[in-house]
Amino acid sequence: MNQAISSVLSKAALSIFALVFLTFHAGSALAQKQPPVQKQPPAMSADYFPERWKEFSYPQDGFKIRFPKEPTITTVAGQKGETTTIYKHASFVPLEIRVTTFPVNLEERISAKTILEEMKKIGFEGTKELAPKIIKETDIAANGKTGKFIHTEASTGEVLRMKFFVSGARVYYMFAGSKKGDKHGVNWENDFEKVAMGFLDSFKVL
């Protein structure tokens, strides 16, 4: 892999993989230290029912996806000319998609499979203290774009289901997180798998 491109990918991988995993872990640890509060939405909240969510389209970043409501959006500039836009919905299963746009067309220089494998490698190296275990990993595609699905569990109880896609100059990374064994409301089976996959499977490249 070209050294300059590898450097950019390394920083992006750490920001959209390891950093998210570590942030999710830190948030869970902080919550455990706080006085108990009712954080779950009411049993009939739309957050529990992916089939009720609205599809939101973001042509400026080339995708559409379903959220329970309009997500919060922030943009962060990188150090190598890349920018990352974060679309986030905070809930008992946090839903988030990050779109990193590079100054070059990645697919013209490196195979998408190589990019995804590099991100996975760097991401897991950056979170090794959490001992993440891969439960499932699958090569996938969306509208002809190469992607990867990874379901992981950390030694501290965090569960992350993630999808990555490469499209031209963009890398898409989305995740749905939960705590192992949580049971409340409805659709809690297999650590809220239906809720998580309802989000991840709704992603479409425009």
N, C-alpha and C. Protein backbone atom coordinates (compact mmCIF):
# COMPACT_ATOMS: atom_id res chain seq x y z
N MET A 1 0.84 -1.19 0.00
CA MET A 1 0.00 0.00 0.00
C MET A 1 0.88 1.25 0.00
N ASN A 2 0.52 2.27 -0.84
CA ASN A 2 1.24 3.52 -0.85
C ASN A 2 1.36 4.09 0.55
N GLN A 3 2.60 4.52 0.94
CA GLN A 3 2.84 4.95 2.33
C GLN A 3 2.00 6.15 2.74
N ALA A 4 1.84 7.12 1.83
CA ALA A 4 1.05 8.31 2.15
C ALA A 4 -0.41 7.96 2.38
N ILE A 5 -0.95 7.12 1.48
CA ILE A 5 -2.34 6.69 1.62
C ILE A 5 -2.51 5.87 2.89
N SER A 6 -1.53 5.00 3.18
CA SER A 6 -1.59 4.18 4.39
C SER A 6 -1.63 5.05 5.63
N SER A 7 -0.86 6.15 5.63
CA SER A 7 -0.85 7.06 6.78
C SER A 7 -2.22 7.69 6.99
N VAL A 8 -2.83 8.14 5.91
CA VAL A 8 -4.16 8.75 6.01
C VAL A 8 -5.18 7.73 6.50
N LEU A 9 -5.11 6.52 5.92
CA LEU A 9 -6.05 5.47 6.33
C LEU A 9 -5.86 5.10 7.79
N SER A 10 -4.61 5.07 8.25
CA SER A 10 -4.34 4.72 9.64
C SER A 10 -5.03 5.69 10.58
N LYS A 11 -4.89 6.97 10.32
CA LYS A 11 -5.52 7.98 11.18
C LYS A 11 -7.04 7.86 11.12
N ALA A 12 -7.57 7.65 9.90
CA ALA A 12 -9.02 7.54 9.75
C ALA A 12 -9.55 6.29 10.44
N ALA A 13 -8.81 5.19 10.28
CA ALA A 13 -9.26 3.94 10.91
C ALA A 13 -9.35 4.09 12.42
N LEU A 14 -8.32 4.73 13.00
CA LEU A 14 -8.33 4.92 14.45
C LEU A 14 -9.46 5.83 14.88
N SER A 15 -9.79 6.83 14.06
CA SER A 15 -10.84 7.77 14.44
C SER A 15 -12.22 7.17 14.29
N ILE A 16 -12.43 6.30 13.28
CA ILE A 16 -13.78 5.80 13.04
C ILE A 16 -13.98 4.36 13.47
N PHE A 17 -12.98 3.77 14.08
CA PHE A 17 -13.12 2.41 14.59
C PHE A 17 -12.70 2.36 16.05
N ALA A 18 -11.42 2.48 16.31
CA ALA A 18 -10.93 2.37 17.68
C ALA A 18 -11.52 3.46 18.58
N LEU A 19 -11.56 4.70 18.09
CA LEU A 19 -12.05 5.79 18.92
C LEU A 19 -13.51 5.58 19.29
N VAL A 20 -14.31 5.12 18.35
CA VAL A 20 -15.73 4.87 18.65
C VAL A 20 -15.87 3.77 19.68
N PHE A 21 -15.11 2.69 19.51
CA PHE A 21 -15.16 1.58 20.45
C PHE A 21 -14.77 2.05 21.85
N LEU A 22 -13.68 2.82 21.92
CA LEU A 22 -13.20 3.29 23.21
C LEU A 22 -14.17 4.29 23.83
N THR A 23 -14.77 5.15 22.99
CA THR A 23 -15.74 6.13 23.49
C THR A 23 -16.97 5.43 24.05
N PHE A 24 -17.44 4.41 23.32
CA PHE A 24 -18.60 3.65 23.78
C PHE A 24 -18.29 2.96 25.10
N HIS A 25 -17.07 2.42 25.21
CA HIS A 25 -16.65 1.78 26.46
C HIS A 25 -16.58 2.79 27.60
N ALA A 26 -16.00 3.97 27.33
CA ALA A 26 -15.88 5.00 28.37
C ALA A 26 -17.25 5.47 28.84
N GLY A 27 -18.17 5.62 27.90
CA GLY A 27 -19.52 6.04 28.28
C GLY A 27 -20.21 5.02 29.15
N SER A 28 -20.01 3.74 28.84
CA SER A 28 -20.61 2.67 29.64
C SER A 28 -20.01 2.65 31.03
N ALA A 29 -18.69 2.83 31.13
CA ALA A 29 -18.01 2.81 32.43
C ALA A 29 -18.47 3.99 33.28
N LEU A 30 -18.61 5.16 32.67
CA LEU A 30 -19.06 6.34 33.40
C LEU A 30 -20.47 6.15 33.92
N ALA A 31 -21.33 5.55 33.10
CA ALA A 31 -22.71 5.34 33.50
C ALA A 31 -22.80 4.43 34.72
N GLN A 32 -21.89 3.45 34.79
CA GLN A 32 -21.91 2.52 35.91
C GLN A 32 -21.55 3.20 37.23
N LYS A 33 -20.83 4.34 37.16
CA LYS A 33 -20.42 5.05 38.36
C LYS A 33 -21.45 6.06 38.84
N GLN A 34 -22.45 6.34 37.99
CA GLN A 34 -23.46 7.34 38.33
C GLN A 34 -24.60 6.70 39.11
N PRO A 35 -25.37 7.50 39.89
CA PRO A 35 -26.56 6.96 40.54
C PRO A 35 -27.50 6.39 39.50
N PRO A 36 -28.18 5.29 39.80
CA PRO A 36 -29.06 4.66 38.80
C PRO A 36 -30.18 5.61 38.38
N VAL A 37 -30.39 5.69 37.09
CA VAL A 37 -31.48 6.50 36.54
C VAL A 37 -32.17 5.68 35.46
N GLN A 38 -33.40 6.09 35.13
CA GLN A 38 -34.14 5.40 34.09
C GLN A 38 -33.71 5.95 32.74
N LYS A 39 -32.86 5.20 32.04
CA LYS A 39 -32.32 5.68 30.78
C LYS A 39 -33.07 5.11 29.58
N GLN A 40 -33.76 4.00 29.77
CA GLN A 40 -34.45 3.39 28.66
C GLN A 40 -35.70 4.19 28.29
N PRO A 41 -36.01 4.29 27.01
CA PRO A 41 -37.24 4.97 26.61
C PRO A 41 -38.45 4.13 26.97
N PRO A 42 -39.67 4.70 26.93
CA PRO A 42 -40.89 3.93 27.21
C PRO A 42 -40.99 2.71 26.30
N ALA A 43 -41.67 1.69 26.77
CA ALA A 43 -41.73 0.42 26.04
C ALA A 43 -42.22 0.58 24.61
N MET A 44 -43.08 1.57 24.35
CA MET A 44 -43.63 1.73 23.01
C MET A 44 -42.87 2.79 22.20
N SER A 45 -41.70 3.21 22.68
CA SER A 45 -40.89 4.18 21.95
C SER A 45 -40.52 3.64 20.57
N ALA A 46 -40.46 4.53 19.60
CA ALA A 46 -40.11 4.14 18.23
C ALA A 46 -38.70 3.54 18.15
N ASP A 47 -37.85 3.86 19.14
CA ASP A 47 -36.48 3.32 19.12
C ASP A 47 -36.46 1.80 19.11
N TYR A 48 -37.48 1.16 19.65
CA TYR A 48 -37.54 -0.29 19.70
C TYR A 48 -38.03 -0.92 18.39
N PHE A 49 -38.57 -0.12 17.48
CA PHE A 49 -39.25 -0.66 16.30
C PHE A 49 -38.65 -0.10 15.01
N PRO A 50 -37.63 -0.72 14.45
CA PRO A 50 -36.98 -0.22 13.24
C PRO A 50 -37.94 -0.03 12.07
N GLU A 51 -38.99 -0.84 12.02
CA GLU A 51 -39.93 -0.73 10.91
C GLU A 51 -40.71 0.59 10.93
N ARG A 52 -40.67 1.30 12.05
CA ARG A 52 -41.37 2.59 12.15
C ARG A 52 -40.45 3.78 11.87
N TRP A 53 -39.17 3.52 11.68
CA TRP A 53 -38.23 4.62 11.51
C TRP A 53 -38.38 5.28 10.15
N LYS A 54 -37.93 6.53 10.07
CA LYS A 54 -37.97 7.30 8.83
C LYS A 54 -36.64 7.19 8.11
N GLU A 55 -36.72 7.15 6.79
CA GLU A 55 -35.50 7.14 5.99
C GLU A 55 -35.04 8.57 5.72
N PHE A 56 -33.78 8.85 6.03
CA PHE A 56 -33.21 10.17 5.80
C PHE A 56 -32.16 10.05 4.69
N SER A 57 -32.17 11.03 3.78
CA SER A 57 -31.26 11.03 2.65
C SER A 57 -30.27 12.18 2.77
N TYR A 58 -29.00 11.88 2.53
CA TYR A 58 -27.94 12.88 2.62
C TYR A 58 -27.11 12.85 1.34
N PRO A 59 -27.62 13.47 0.27
CA PRO A 59 -26.92 13.43 -1.02
C PRO A 59 -25.52 14.04 -0.98
N GLN A 60 -25.29 14.98 -0.06
CA GLN A 60 -23.95 15.58 0.04
C GLN A 60 -22.90 14.56 0.45
N ASP A 61 -23.33 13.49 1.14
CA ASP A 61 -22.41 12.41 1.52
C ASP A 61 -22.74 11.11 0.81
N GLY A 62 -23.70 11.16 -0.12
CA GLY A 62 -23.94 10.03 -1.00
C GLY A 62 -24.60 8.81 -0.39
N PHE A 63 -25.49 8.99 0.60
CA PHE A 63 -26.14 7.82 1.19
C PHE A 63 -27.51 8.18 1.77
N LYS A 64 -28.26 7.14 2.10
CA LYS A 64 -29.49 7.29 2.86
C LYS A 64 -29.58 6.14 3.85
N ILE A 65 -30.29 6.39 4.96
CA ILE A 65 -30.35 5.40 6.04
C ILE A 65 -31.55 5.73 6.92
N ARG A 66 -31.98 4.78 7.73
CA ARG A 66 -33.14 4.99 8.61
C ARG A 66 -32.69 5.26 10.05
N PHE A 67 -33.34 6.25 10.66
CA PHE A 67 -33.15 6.60 12.07
C PHE A 67 -34.53 6.74 12.72
N PRO A 68 -34.60 6.59 14.06
CA PRO A 68 -35.87 6.85 14.75
C PRO A 68 -36.33 8.30 14.59
N LYS A 69 -35.38 9.22 14.46
CA LYS A 69 -35.67 10.63 14.22
C LYS A 69 -34.43 11.27 13.60
N GLU A 70 -34.53 12.55 13.23
CA GLU A 70 -33.39 13.24 12.62
C GLU A 70 -32.17 13.16 13.53
N PRO A 71 -31.03 12.66 13.02
CA PRO A 71 -29.84 12.54 13.86
C PRO A 71 -29.13 13.88 14.04
N THR A 72 -28.29 13.95 15.05
CA THR A 72 -27.41 15.11 15.19
C THR A 72 -26.25 14.93 14.21
N ILE A 73 -25.77 16.04 13.66
CA ILE A 73 -24.74 15.97 12.63
C ILE A 73 -23.59 16.90 12.98
N THR A 74 -22.38 16.37 12.96
CA THR A 74 -21.18 17.18 13.18
C THR A 74 -20.13 16.79 12.14
N THR A 75 -19.26 17.74 11.83
CA THR A 75 -18.19 17.50 10.86
C THR A 75 -16.85 17.83 11.49
N VAL A 76 -15.89 16.94 11.30
CA VAL A 76 -14.55 17.10 11.87
C VAL A 76 -13.52 17.06 10.75
N ALA A 77 -12.62 18.03 10.73
CA ALA A 77 -11.56 18.06 9.73
C ALA A 77 -10.39 17.21 10.19
N GLY A 78 -9.82 16.42 9.28
CA GLY A 78 -8.67 15.60 9.60
C GLY A 78 -7.36 16.33 9.38
N GLN A 79 -6.26 15.65 9.60
CA GLN A 79 -4.93 16.25 9.50
C GLN A 79 -4.28 16.04 8.13
N LYS A 80 -4.91 15.22 7.30
CA LYS A 80 -4.33 14.90 6.00
C LYS A 80 -5.25 15.29 4.85
N GLY A 81 -6.17 16.25 5.11
CA GLY A 81 -7.07 16.72 4.06
C GLY A 81 -8.40 16.00 4.03
N GLU A 82 -8.58 14.99 4.88
CA GLU A 82 -9.84 14.27 4.92
C GLU A 82 -10.82 14.96 5.90
N THR A 83 -12.09 14.76 5.69
CA THR A 83 -13.12 15.26 6.62
C THR A 83 -14.04 14.11 6.99
N THR A 84 -14.52 14.14 8.22
CA THR A 84 -15.44 13.11 8.69
C THR A 84 -16.72 13.76 9.19
N THR A 85 -17.85 13.33 8.64
CA THR A 85 -19.15 13.80 9.09
C THR A 85 -19.81 12.69 9.88
N ILE A 86 -20.31 13.04 11.08
CA ILE A 86 -20.86 12.06 12.01
C ILE A 86 -22.36 12.29 12.16
N TYR A 87 -23.14 11.26 11.90
CA TYR A 87 -24.59 11.28 12.06
C TYR A 87 -24.92 10.36 13.23
N LYS A 88 -25.53 10.91 14.28
CA LYS A 88 -25.66 10.15 15.53
C LYS A 88 -27.06 10.27 16.13
N HIS A 89 -27.54 9.12 16.64
CA HIS A 89 -28.77 9.09 17.42
C HIS A 89 -28.45 8.42 18.75
N ALA A 90 -28.60 9.15 19.86
CA ALA A 90 -28.29 8.61 21.19
C ALA A 90 -29.52 7.93 21.76
N SER A 91 -29.34 6.69 22.20
CA SER A 91 -30.44 5.92 22.79
C SER A 91 -29.86 4.73 23.53
N PHE A 92 -30.72 3.79 23.95
CA PHE A 92 -30.24 2.59 24.64
C PHE A 92 -29.41 1.73 23.70
N VAL A 93 -29.66 1.85 22.39
CA VAL A 93 -28.78 1.30 21.37
C VAL A 93 -28.30 2.48 20.53
N PRO A 94 -27.10 3.02 20.85
CA PRO A 94 -26.62 4.16 20.07
C PRO A 94 -26.44 3.79 18.60
N LEU A 95 -26.93 4.66 17.73
CA LEU A 95 -26.84 4.44 16.29
C LEU A 95 -25.99 5.55 15.69
N GLU A 96 -25.02 5.19 14.88
CA GLU A 96 -24.11 6.20 14.36
C GLU A 96 -23.54 5.77 13.02
N ILE A 97 -23.43 6.72 12.11
CA ILE A 97 -22.73 6.50 10.85
C ILE A 97 -21.74 7.63 10.66
N ARG A 98 -20.52 7.26 10.29
CA ARG A 98 -19.46 8.24 10.03
C ARG A 98 -19.03 8.11 8.58
N VAL A 99 -18.92 9.26 7.92
CA VAL A 99 -18.52 9.29 6.51
C VAL A 99 -17.21 10.08 6.42
N THR A 100 -16.13 9.38 6.09
CA THR A 100 -14.84 10.05 5.92
C THR A 100 -14.58 10.22 4.43
N THR A 101 -14.39 11.48 4.02
CA THR A 101 -14.13 11.80 2.62
C THR A 101 -12.67 12.21 2.47
N PHE A 102 -11.97 11.50 1.61
CA PHE A 102 -10.55 11.73 1.39
C PHE A 102 -10.33 12.65 0.19
N PRO A 103 -9.16 13.27 0.08
CA PRO A 103 -8.88 14.16 -1.05
C PRO A 103 -8.59 13.42 -2.35
N VAL A 104 -8.57 12.09 -2.31
CA VAL A 104 -8.31 11.29 -3.51
C VAL A 104 -9.34 10.17 -3.59
N ASN A 105 -9.53 9.64 -4.79
CA ASN A 105 -10.41 8.50 -4.99
C ASN A 105 -9.68 7.24 -4.57
N LEU A 106 -10.08 6.68 -3.44
CA LEU A 106 -9.38 5.53 -2.89
C LEU A 106 -9.48 4.31 -3.80
N GLU A 107 -10.65 4.10 -4.38
CA GLU A 107 -10.88 2.90 -5.19
C GLU A 107 -10.00 2.87 -6.44
N GLU A 108 -9.53 4.05 -6.88
CA GLU A 108 -8.65 4.10 -8.05
C GLU A 108 -7.21 3.75 -7.71
N ARG A 109 -6.89 3.71 -6.41
CA ARG A 109 -5.51 3.50 -5.99
C ARG A 109 -5.30 2.20 -5.22
N ILE A 110 -6.32 1.80 -4.46
CA ILE A 110 -6.20 0.61 -3.60
C ILE A 110 -7.51 -0.17 -3.70
N SER A 111 -7.43 -1.48 -3.62
CA SER A 111 -8.66 -2.26 -3.63
C SER A 111 -9.45 -2.01 -2.35
N ALA A 112 -10.76 -1.97 -2.49
CA ALA A 112 -11.62 -1.73 -1.33
C ALA A 112 -11.39 -2.79 -0.25
N LYS A 113 -11.17 -4.02 -0.67
CA LYS A 113 -10.93 -5.10 0.30
C LYS A 113 -9.69 -4.83 1.13
N THR A 114 -8.63 -4.32 0.49
CA THR A 114 -7.40 -4.00 1.20
C THR A 114 -7.63 -2.89 2.21
N ILE A 115 -8.38 -1.87 1.81
CA ILE A 115 -8.69 -0.76 2.71
C ILE A 115 -9.43 -1.26 3.94
N LEU A 116 -10.44 -2.09 3.74
CA LEU A 116 -11.25 -2.58 4.86
C LEU A 116 -10.43 -3.47 5.79
N GLU A 117 -9.58 -4.30 5.22
CA GLU A 117 -8.74 -5.16 6.05
C GLU A 117 -7.75 -4.33 6.86
N GLU A 118 -7.22 -3.25 6.26
CA GLU A 118 -6.28 -2.38 6.97
C GLU A 118 -6.99 -1.69 8.14
N MET A 119 -8.21 -1.21 7.89
CA MET A 119 -8.98 -0.54 8.94
C MET A 119 -9.29 -1.51 10.08
N LYS A 120 -9.66 -2.72 9.72
CA LYS A 120 -9.95 -3.73 10.75
C LYS A 120 -8.71 -4.01 11.59
N LYS A 121 -7.57 -4.20 10.92
CA LYS A 121 -6.32 -4.51 11.62
C LYS A 121 -5.95 -3.39 12.60
N ILE A 122 -5.95 -2.14 12.10
CA ILE A 122 -5.56 -1.01 12.94
C ILE A 122 -6.58 -0.79 14.06
N GLY A 123 -7.85 -0.96 13.72
CA GLY A 123 -8.90 -0.77 14.72
C GLY A 123 -8.78 -1.73 15.89
N PHE A 124 -8.52 -3.01 15.59
CA PHE A 124 -8.41 -3.99 16.67
C PHE A 124 -7.12 -3.82 17.45
N GLU A 125 -6.06 -3.37 16.78
CA GLU A 125 -4.82 -3.09 17.50
C GLU A 125 -5.02 -1.93 18.48
N GLY A 126 -5.85 -0.96 18.08
CA GLY A 126 -6.09 0.20 18.93
C GLY A 126 -7.01 -0.05 20.10
N THR A 127 -7.69 -1.21 20.08
CA THR A 127 -8.63 -1.52 21.17
C THR A 127 -8.29 -2.84 21.86
N LYS A 128 -7.05 -3.30 21.72
CA LYS A 128 -6.70 -4.62 22.24
C LYS A 128 -6.85 -4.73 23.76
N GLU A 129 -6.76 -3.57 24.47
CA GLU A 129 -6.93 -3.63 25.93
C GLU A 129 -8.35 -4.02 26.33
N LEU A 130 -9.30 -3.88 25.39
CA LEU A 130 -10.69 -4.28 25.66
C LEU A 130 -10.93 -5.72 25.24
N ALA A 131 -9.91 -6.36 24.66
CA ALA A 131 -9.99 -7.75 24.21
C ALA A 131 -11.25 -8.03 23.39
N PRO A 132 -11.48 -7.23 22.33
CA PRO A 132 -12.68 -7.48 21.52
C PRO A 132 -12.62 -8.84 20.82
N LYS A 133 -13.73 -9.54 20.86
CA LYS A 133 -13.83 -10.87 20.24
C LYS A 133 -14.79 -10.79 19.06
N ILE A 134 -14.34 -11.29 17.91
CA ILE A 134 -15.19 -11.28 16.73
C ILE A 134 -16.19 -12.44 16.83
N ILE A 135 -17.47 -12.09 16.86
CA ILE A 135 -18.54 -13.10 16.90
C ILE A 135 -18.90 -13.52 15.48
N LYS A 136 -18.91 -12.53 14.57
CA LYS A 136 -19.25 -12.82 13.18
C LYS A 136 -18.57 -11.78 12.29
N GLU A 137 -18.07 -12.23 11.15
CA GLU A 137 -17.47 -11.33 10.17
C GLU A 137 -17.85 -11.81 8.78
N THR A 138 -18.37 -10.90 7.95
CA THR A 138 -18.86 -11.27 6.63
C THR A 138 -18.51 -10.19 5.61
N ASP A 139 -18.08 -10.59 4.43
CA ASP A 139 -17.91 -9.65 3.32
C ASP A 139 -19.29 -9.38 2.73
N ILE A 140 -19.60 -8.11 2.50
CA ILE A 140 -20.92 -7.72 2.02
C ILE A 140 -20.77 -6.70 0.89
N ALA A 141 -21.91 -6.26 0.34
CA ALA A 141 -21.91 -5.23 -0.70
C ALA A 141 -23.21 -4.44 -0.61
N ALA A 142 -23.15 -3.18 -1.06
CA ALA A 142 -24.34 -2.32 -1.12
C ALA A 142 -24.26 -1.51 -2.40
N ASN A 143 -25.24 -1.73 -3.27
CA ASN A 143 -25.24 -1.04 -4.57
C ASN A 143 -23.92 -1.22 -5.31
N GLY A 144 -23.38 -2.42 -5.22
CA GLY A 144 -22.14 -2.73 -5.92
C GLY A 144 -20.88 -2.29 -5.21
N LYS A 145 -21.00 -1.67 -4.04
CA LYS A 145 -19.84 -1.20 -3.29
C LYS A 145 -19.40 -2.25 -2.28
N THR A 146 -18.10 -2.50 -2.21
CA THR A 146 -17.55 -3.51 -1.32
C THR A 146 -17.65 -3.09 0.14
N GLY A 147 -18.05 -4.04 0.99
CA GLY A 147 -18.19 -3.73 2.41
C GLY A 147 -17.84 -4.90 3.29
N LYS A 148 -17.94 -4.67 4.58
CA LYS A 148 -17.65 -5.71 5.57
C LYS A 148 -18.58 -5.51 6.77
N PHE A 149 -19.11 -6.61 7.29
CA PHE A 149 -19.90 -6.61 8.52
C PHE A 149 -19.11 -7.30 9.61
N ILE A 150 -19.03 -6.68 10.79
CA ILE A 150 -18.34 -7.27 11.93
C ILE A 150 -19.20 -7.12 13.18
N HIS A 151 -19.39 -8.22 13.88
CA HIS A 151 -20.09 -8.23 15.18
C HIS A 151 -19.06 -8.59 16.22
N THR A 152 -18.81 -7.68 17.17
CA THR A 152 -17.80 -7.92 18.19
C THR A 152 -18.38 -7.78 19.59
N GLU A 153 -17.70 -8.41 20.55
CA GLU A 153 -18.03 -8.25 21.96
C GLU A 153 -16.74 -8.02 22.72
N ALA A 154 -16.73 -7.00 23.59
CA ALA A 154 -15.54 -6.69 24.39
C ALA A 154 -15.61 -7.42 25.72
N SER A 155 -14.46 -7.56 26.35
CA SER A 155 -14.40 -8.24 27.65
C SER A 155 -15.18 -7.49 28.71
N THR A 156 -15.44 -6.20 28.47
CA THR A 156 -16.18 -5.37 29.44
C THR A 156 -17.69 -5.38 29.21
N GLY A 157 -18.14 -6.14 28.21
CA GLY A 157 -19.58 -6.30 27.99
C GLY A 157 -20.18 -5.48 26.87
N GLU A 158 -19.39 -4.63 26.21
CA GLU A 158 -19.92 -3.87 25.09
C GLU A 158 -20.09 -4.77 23.87
N VAL A 159 -21.20 -4.58 23.19
CA VAL A 159 -21.49 -5.32 21.96
C VAL A 159 -21.59 -4.30 20.83
N LEU A 160 -20.84 -4.51 19.77
CA LEU A 160 -20.88 -3.62 18.61
C LEU A 160 -21.14 -4.42 17.35
N ARG A 161 -22.13 -3.97 16.60
CA ARG A 161 -22.36 -4.50 15.25
C ARG A 161 -22.03 -3.37 14.29
N MET A 162 -21.16 -3.65 13.31
CA MET A 162 -20.62 -2.60 12.46
C MET A 162 -20.66 -3.00 10.99
N LYS A 163 -20.80 -1.99 10.14
CA LYS A 163 -20.66 -2.18 8.71
C LYS A 163 -19.74 -1.10 8.17
N PHE A 164 -18.90 -1.50 7.21
CA PHE A 164 -17.99 -0.58 6.53
C PHE A 164 -18.22 -0.69 5.03
N PHE A 165 -18.12 0.43 4.32
CA PHE A 165 -18.19 0.41 2.87
C PHE A 165 -17.19 1.42 2.31
N VAL A 166 -16.67 1.13 1.13
CA VAL A 166 -15.80 2.06 0.42
C VAL A 166 -16.50 2.44 -0.88
N SER A 167 -16.55 3.77 -1.15
CA SER A 167 -17.18 4.25 -2.37
C SER A 167 -16.42 5.48 -2.86
N GLY A 168 -15.58 5.29 -3.86
CA GLY A 168 -14.80 6.40 -4.40
C GLY A 168 -13.85 6.98 -3.37
N ALA A 169 -14.05 8.26 -3.05
CA ALA A 169 -13.20 8.93 -2.06
C ALA A 169 -13.74 8.79 -0.64
N ARG A 170 -14.83 8.06 -0.47
CA ARG A 170 -15.47 7.97 0.84
C ARG A 170 -15.34 6.58 1.46
N VAL A 171 -15.20 6.59 2.79
CA VAL A 171 -15.32 5.37 3.59
C VAL A 171 -16.48 5.57 4.55
N TYR A 172 -17.45 4.66 4.51
CA TYR A 172 -18.61 4.71 5.40
C TYR A 172 -18.40 3.70 6.53
N TYR A 173 -18.63 4.16 7.74
CA TYR A 173 -18.56 3.26 8.90
C TYR A 173 -19.78 3.53 9.76
N MET A 174 -20.56 2.50 10.03
CA MET A 174 -21.76 2.66 10.86
C MET A 174 -21.76 1.59 11.94
N PHE A 175 -22.33 1.93 13.09
CA PHE A 175 -22.38 0.95 14.16
C PHE A 175 -23.62 1.11 15.01
N ALA A 176 -24.00 0.03 15.66
CA ALA A 176 -25.06 0.02 16.66
C ALA A 176 -24.49 -0.70 17.87
N GLY A 177 -24.56 -0.07 19.03
CA GLY A 177 -23.96 -0.64 20.23
C GLY A 177 -24.98 -1.02 21.27
N SER A 178 -24.63 -1.97 22.12
CA SER A 178 -25.50 -2.36 23.23
C SER A 178 -24.64 -2.99 24.32
N LYS A 179 -25.26 -3.31 25.44
CA LYS A 179 -24.59 -4.00 26.53
C LYS A 179 -25.03 -5.46 26.56
N LYS A 180 -24.08 -6.35 26.72
CA LYS A 180 -24.36 -7.77 26.73
C LYS A 180 -25.38 -8.10 27.81
N GLY A 181 -26.46 -8.78 27.41
CA GLY A 181 -27.46 -9.24 28.36
C GLY A 181 -28.54 -8.25 28.72
N ASP A 182 -28.50 -7.02 28.19
CA ASP A 182 -29.56 -6.05 28.48
C ASP A 182 -30.91 -6.57 28.01
N LYS A 183 -31.94 -6.41 28.86
CA LYS A 183 -33.30 -6.83 28.50
C LYS A 183 -34.28 -5.80 29.03
N HIS A 184 -34.92 -5.08 28.15
CA HIS A 184 -35.97 -4.13 28.52
C HIS A 184 -36.80 -3.81 27.29
N GLY A 185 -37.99 -3.32 27.51
CA GLY A 185 -38.86 -3.00 26.39
C GLY A 185 -39.18 -4.22 25.56
N VAL A 186 -38.98 -4.12 24.26
CA VAL A 186 -39.24 -5.23 23.33
C VAL A 186 -38.05 -5.35 22.37
N ASN A 187 -38.04 -6.43 21.62
CA ASN A 187 -36.98 -6.69 20.63
C ASN A 187 -35.58 -6.67 21.25
N TRP A 188 -35.47 -7.16 22.51
CA TRP A 188 -34.18 -7.17 23.18
C TRP A 188 -33.39 -8.46 22.92
N GLU A 189 -33.99 -9.41 22.20
CA GLU A 189 -33.34 -10.70 21.98
C GLU A 189 -31.99 -10.53 21.30
N ASN A 190 -31.05 -11.38 21.73
CA ASN A 190 -29.69 -11.39 21.17
C ASN A 190 -29.08 -9.99 21.18
N ASP A 191 -29.19 -9.34 22.35
CA ASP A 191 -28.59 -8.01 22.56
C ASP A 191 -29.09 -6.99 21.55
N PHE A 192 -30.43 -6.94 21.42
CA PHE A 192 -31.10 -5.97 20.54
C PHE A 192 -30.66 -6.09 19.08
N GLU A 193 -30.52 -7.34 18.64
CA GLU A 193 -30.08 -7.57 17.26
C GLU A 193 -31.03 -6.95 16.24
N LYS A 194 -32.34 -7.09 16.45
CA LYS A 194 -33.30 -6.55 15.48
C LYS A 194 -33.16 -5.04 15.35
N VAL A 195 -32.97 -4.35 16.48
CA VAL A 195 -32.82 -2.90 16.45
C VAL A 195 -31.53 -2.53 15.73
N ALA A 196 -30.44 -3.19 16.08
CA ALA A 196 -29.14 -2.89 15.48
C ALA A 196 -29.14 -3.15 13.97
N MET A 197 -29.63 -4.31 13.56
CA MET A 197 -29.60 -4.65 12.15
C MET A 197 -30.64 -3.86 11.35
N GLY A 198 -31.71 -3.42 12.02
CA GLY A 198 -32.67 -2.56 11.34
C GLY A 198 -32.01 -1.27 10.87
N PHE A 199 -31.08 -0.79 11.67
CA PHE A 199 -30.31 0.40 11.30
C PHE A 199 -29.27 0.08 10.23
N LEU A 200 -28.42 -0.89 10.50
CA LEU A 200 -27.32 -1.21 9.59
C LEU A 200 -27.80 -1.64 8.20
N ASP A 201 -28.84 -2.45 8.18
CA ASP A 201 -29.33 -2.98 6.90
C ASP A 201 -30.08 -1.93 6.07
N SER A 202 -30.40 -0.79 6.67
CA SER A 202 -31.15 0.25 5.92
C SER A 202 -30.22 1.14 5.11
N PHE A 203 -28.92 1.01 5.28
CA PHE A 203 -27.95 1.86 4.58
C PHE A 203 -27.97 1.59 3.08
N LYS A 204 -27.99 2.68 2.29
CA LYS A 204 -27.94 2.57 0.84
C LYS A 204 -27.04 3.66 0.27
N VAL A 205 -26.21 3.29 -0.69
CA VAL A 205 -25.38 4.27 -1.39
C VAL A 205 -26.21 4.90 -2.49
N LEU A 206 -26.19 6.21 -2.59
CA LEU A 206 -26.94 6.91 -3.63
C LEU A 206 -26.18 6.88 -4.97
